[in-house]
């Protein structure tokens, strides 16, 4: 699935099941909440915490939740994520072309 297809699929889903998009601020807070849920899983799976009784390793689901809300925000703000990612990668490529190669910490 391309990014464009993902944006279109989520838009259709929202219109069919979600009635409408939550407003931008609500979606931003939902995104923050979802990132927190991912952090919980990461700290238990890769960090020093352990899973509590009833918690599961649902890393894939948490990542998908974040992507879903991020795409919702892009859709409702008229952001073409394909173009945005291409532009962002070009910026990073120009800015960081030698930065990481010269980093003695890496």
C-alpha atoms as a PDB file:
ATOM      1  CA  UNK A   1       0.000   0.000   0.000  1.00  0.00           C
ATOM      2  CA  UNK A   2       1.381   3.419  -0.904  1.00  0.00           C
ATOM      3  CA  UNK A   3       1.159   6.383   1.415  1.00  0.00           C
ATOM      4  CA  UNK A   4      -1.435   7.941  -0.909  1.00  0.00           C
ATOM      5  CA  UNK A   5      -3.502   4.751  -0.789  1.00  0.00           C
ATOM      6  CA  UNK A   6      -3.223   4.726   2.994  1.00  0.00           C
ATOM      7  CA  UNK A   7      -4.454   8.312   3.203  1.00  0.00           C
ATOM      8  CA  UNK A   8      -7.397   7.484   0.931  1.00  0.00           C
ATOM      9  CA  UNK A   9      -8.216   4.258   2.804  1.00  0.00           C
ATOM     10  CA  UNK A  10      -8.270   6.019   6.170  1.00  0.00           C
ATOM     11  CA  UNK A  11     -10.373   8.848   4.754  1.00  0.00           C
ATOM     12  CA  UNK A  12     -12.940   6.332   3.497  1.00  0.00           C
ATOM     13  CA  UNK A  13     -12.884   4.535   6.863  1.00  0.00           C
ATOM     14  CA  UNK A  14     -13.485   7.763   8.766  1.00  0.00           C
ATOM     15  CA  UNK A  15     -16.421   8.648   6.524  1.00  0.00           C
ATOM     16  CA  UNK A  16     -17.925   5.159   6.820  1.00  0.00           C
ATOM     17  CA  UNK A  17     -17.311   4.306  10.485  1.00  0.00           C
ATOM     18  CA  UNK A  18     -16.111   7.428  12.224  1.00  0.00           C
ATOM     19  CA  UNK A  19     -18.787   9.815  10.923  1.00  0.00           C
ATOM     20  CA  UNK A  20     -16.222  12.658  10.750  1.00  0.00           C
ATOM     21  CA  UNK A  21     -12.706  13.505  11.782  1.00  0.00           C
ATOM     22  CA  UNK A  22     -12.163  14.692  15.334  1.00  0.00           C
ATOM     23  CA  UNK A  23     -10.862  18.250  15.268  1.00  0.00           C
ATOM     24  CA  UNK A  24      -7.148  18.800  14.814  1.00  0.00           C
ATOM     25  CA  UNK A  25      -6.444  19.525  18.478  1.00  0.00           C
ATOM     26  CA  UNK A  26      -8.315  16.414  19.607  1.00  0.00           C
ATOM     27  CA  UNK A  27      -6.368  14.308  17.119  1.00  0.00           C
ATOM     28  CA  UNK A  28      -3.113  15.837  18.339  1.00  0.00           C
ATOM     29  CA  UNK A  29      -3.930  14.817  21.900  1.00  0.00           C
ATOM     30  CA  UNK A  30      -4.963  11.339  20.724  1.00  0.00           C
ATOM     31  CA  UNK A  31      -1.620  11.065  18.901  1.00  0.00           C
ATOM     32  CA  UNK A  32       0.190  12.019  22.100  1.00  0.00           C
ATOM     33  CA  UNK A  33      -1.779   9.393  24.010  1.00  0.00           C
ATOM     34  CA  UNK A  34      -0.924   6.734  21.433  1.00  0.00           C
ATOM     35  CA  UNK A  35       2.778   7.631  21.590  1.00  0.00           C
ATOM     36  CA  UNK A  36       2.568   7.174  25.354  1.00  0.00           C
ATOM     37  CA  UNK A  37       1.077   3.717  24.864  1.00  0.00           C
ATOM     38  CA  UNK A  38       3.955   2.855  22.527  1.00  0.00           C
ATOM     39  CA  UNK A  39       6.414   4.138  25.133  1.00  0.00           C
ATOM     40  CA  UNK A  40       4.875   1.807  27.704  1.00  0.00           C
ATOM     41  CA  UNK A  41       5.393  -1.205  25.444  1.00  0.00           C
ATOM     42  CA  UNK A  42       8.929  -0.126  24.507  1.00  0.00           C
ATOM     43  CA  UNK A  43       9.936   0.314  28.148  1.00  0.00           C
ATOM     44  CA  UNK A  44       8.689  -3.165  28.958  1.00  0.00           C
ATOM     45  CA  UNK A  45       9.962  -4.938  25.850  1.00  0.00           C
ATOM     46  CA  UNK A  46      13.341  -3.220  25.419  1.00  0.00           C
ATOM     47  CA  UNK A  47      13.839  -1.367  28.684  1.00  0.00           C
ATOM     48  CA  UNK A  48      14.168  -2.440  32.268  1.00  0.00           C
ATOM     49  CA  UNK A  49      10.482  -2.629  33.131  1.00  0.00           C
ATOM     50  CA  UNK A  50       8.494  -5.844  32.901  1.00  0.00           C
ATOM     51  CA  UNK A  51       4.990  -6.403  31.617  1.00  0.00           C
ATOM     52  CA  UNK A  52       2.315  -6.215  34.302  1.00  0.00           C
ATOM     53  CA  UNK A  53      -0.313  -8.909  34.646  1.00  0.00           C
ATOM     54  CA  UNK A  54      -2.724  -8.574  31.739  1.00  0.00           C
ATOM     55  CA  UNK A  55      -0.401  -6.394  29.603  1.00  0.00           C
ATOM     56  CA  UNK A  56       0.699  -7.737  26.259  1.00  0.00           C
ATOM     57  CA  UNK A  57       3.420  -7.000  23.748  1.00  0.00           C
ATOM     58  CA  UNK A  58       1.250  -5.158  21.249  1.00  0.00           C
ATOM     59  CA  UNK A  59       4.025  -3.124  19.631  1.00  0.00           C
ATOM     60  CA  UNK A  60       2.646  -3.533  16.104  1.00  0.00           C
ATOM     61  CA  UNK A  61      -0.816  -2.397  17.154  1.00  0.00           C
ATOM     62  CA  UNK A  62       0.533   0.685  18.942  1.00  0.00           C
ATOM     63  CA  UNK A  63       2.638   1.645  15.911  1.00  0.00           C
ATOM     64  CA  UNK A  64      -0.416   1.211  13.685  1.00  0.00           C
ATOM     65  CA  UNK A  65      -2.510   3.381  16.032  1.00  0.00           C
ATOM     66  CA  UNK A  66       0.082   6.154  15.774  1.00  0.00           C
ATOM     67  CA  UNK A  67       0.197   5.900  11.988  1.00  0.00           C
ATOM     68  CA  UNK A  68      -3.614   5.975  11.798  1.00  0.00           C
ATOM     69  CA  UNK A  69      -3.921   9.171  13.831  1.00  0.00           C
ATOM     70  CA  UNK A  70      -0.979  10.778  12.039  1.00  0.00           C
ATOM     71  CA  UNK A  71      -2.675  10.105   8.702  1.00  0.00           C
ATOM     72  CA  UNK A  72      -5.926  11.542  10.069  1.00  0.00           C
ATOM     73  CA  UNK A  73      -4.107  14.765  10.950  1.00  0.00           C
ATOM     74  CA  UNK A  74      -2.502  14.861   7.507  1.00  0.00           C
ATOM     75  CA  UNK A  75      -5.846  14.307   5.797  1.00  0.00           C
ATOM     76  CA  UNK A  76      -7.687  16.971   7.725  1.00  0.00           C
ATOM     77  CA  UNK A  77      -4.908  19.544   7.214  1.00  0.00           C
ATOM     78  CA  UNK A  78      -4.598  18.836   3.492  1.00  0.00           C
ATOM     79  CA  UNK A  79      -1.082  17.415   3.803  1.00  0.00           C
ATOM     80  CA  UNK A  80       0.086  15.080   1.051  1.00  0.00           C
ATOM     81  CA  UNK A  81       2.295  12.765   3.098  1.00  0.00           C
ATOM     82  CA  UNK A  82       4.046  11.357   0.036  1.00  0.00           C
ATOM     83  CA  UNK A  83       5.284  14.811  -0.944  1.00  0.00           C
ATOM     84  CA  UNK A  84       6.000  15.724   2.679  1.00  0.00           C
ATOM     85  CA  UNK A  85       8.145  12.617   3.245  1.00  0.00           C
ATOM     86  CA  UNK A  86      10.004  13.091  -0.041  1.00  0.00           C
ATOM     87  CA  UNK A  87      10.745  16.722   0.848  1.00  0.00           C
ATOM     88  CA  UNK A  88      11.769  15.758   4.387  1.00  0.00           C
ATOM     89  CA  UNK A  89      14.154  13.025   3.179  1.00  0.00           C
ATOM     90  CA  UNK A  90      15.775  15.475   0.778  1.00  0.00           C
ATOM     91  CA  UNK A  91      16.253  17.953   3.631  1.00  0.00           C
ATOM     92  CA  UNK A  92      17.766  15.264   5.852  1.00  0.00           C
ATOM     93  CA  UNK A  93      19.989  13.962   3.047  1.00  0.00           C
ATOM     94  CA  UNK A  94      21.426  17.404   2.392  1.00  0.00           C
ATOM     95  CA  UNK A  95      21.790  18.317   6.058  1.00  0.00           C
ATOM     96  CA  UNK A  96      23.173  14.996   7.267  1.00  0.00           C
ATOM     97  CA  UNK A  97      25.130  13.719   4.255  1.00  0.00           C
ATOM     98  CA  UNK A  98      28.375  13.539   6.289  1.00  0.00           C
ATOM     99  CA  UNK A  99      27.145  14.149   9.827  1.00  0.00           C
ATOM    100  CA  UNK A 100      26.565  10.548  10.888  1.00  0.00           C
ATOM    101  CA  UNK A 101      29.570   9.146   9.010  1.00  0.00           C
ATOM    102  CA  UNK A 102      31.820  11.539  10.921  1.00  0.00           C
ATOM    103  CA  UNK A 103      30.215  10.871  14.295  1.00  0.00           C
ATOM    104  CA  UNK A 104      32.730   8.913  16.379  1.00  0.00           C
ATOM    105  CA  UNK A 105      29.910   7.784  18.674  1.00  0.00           C
ATOM    106  CA  UNK A 106      28.469   5.702  15.867  1.00  0.00           C
END
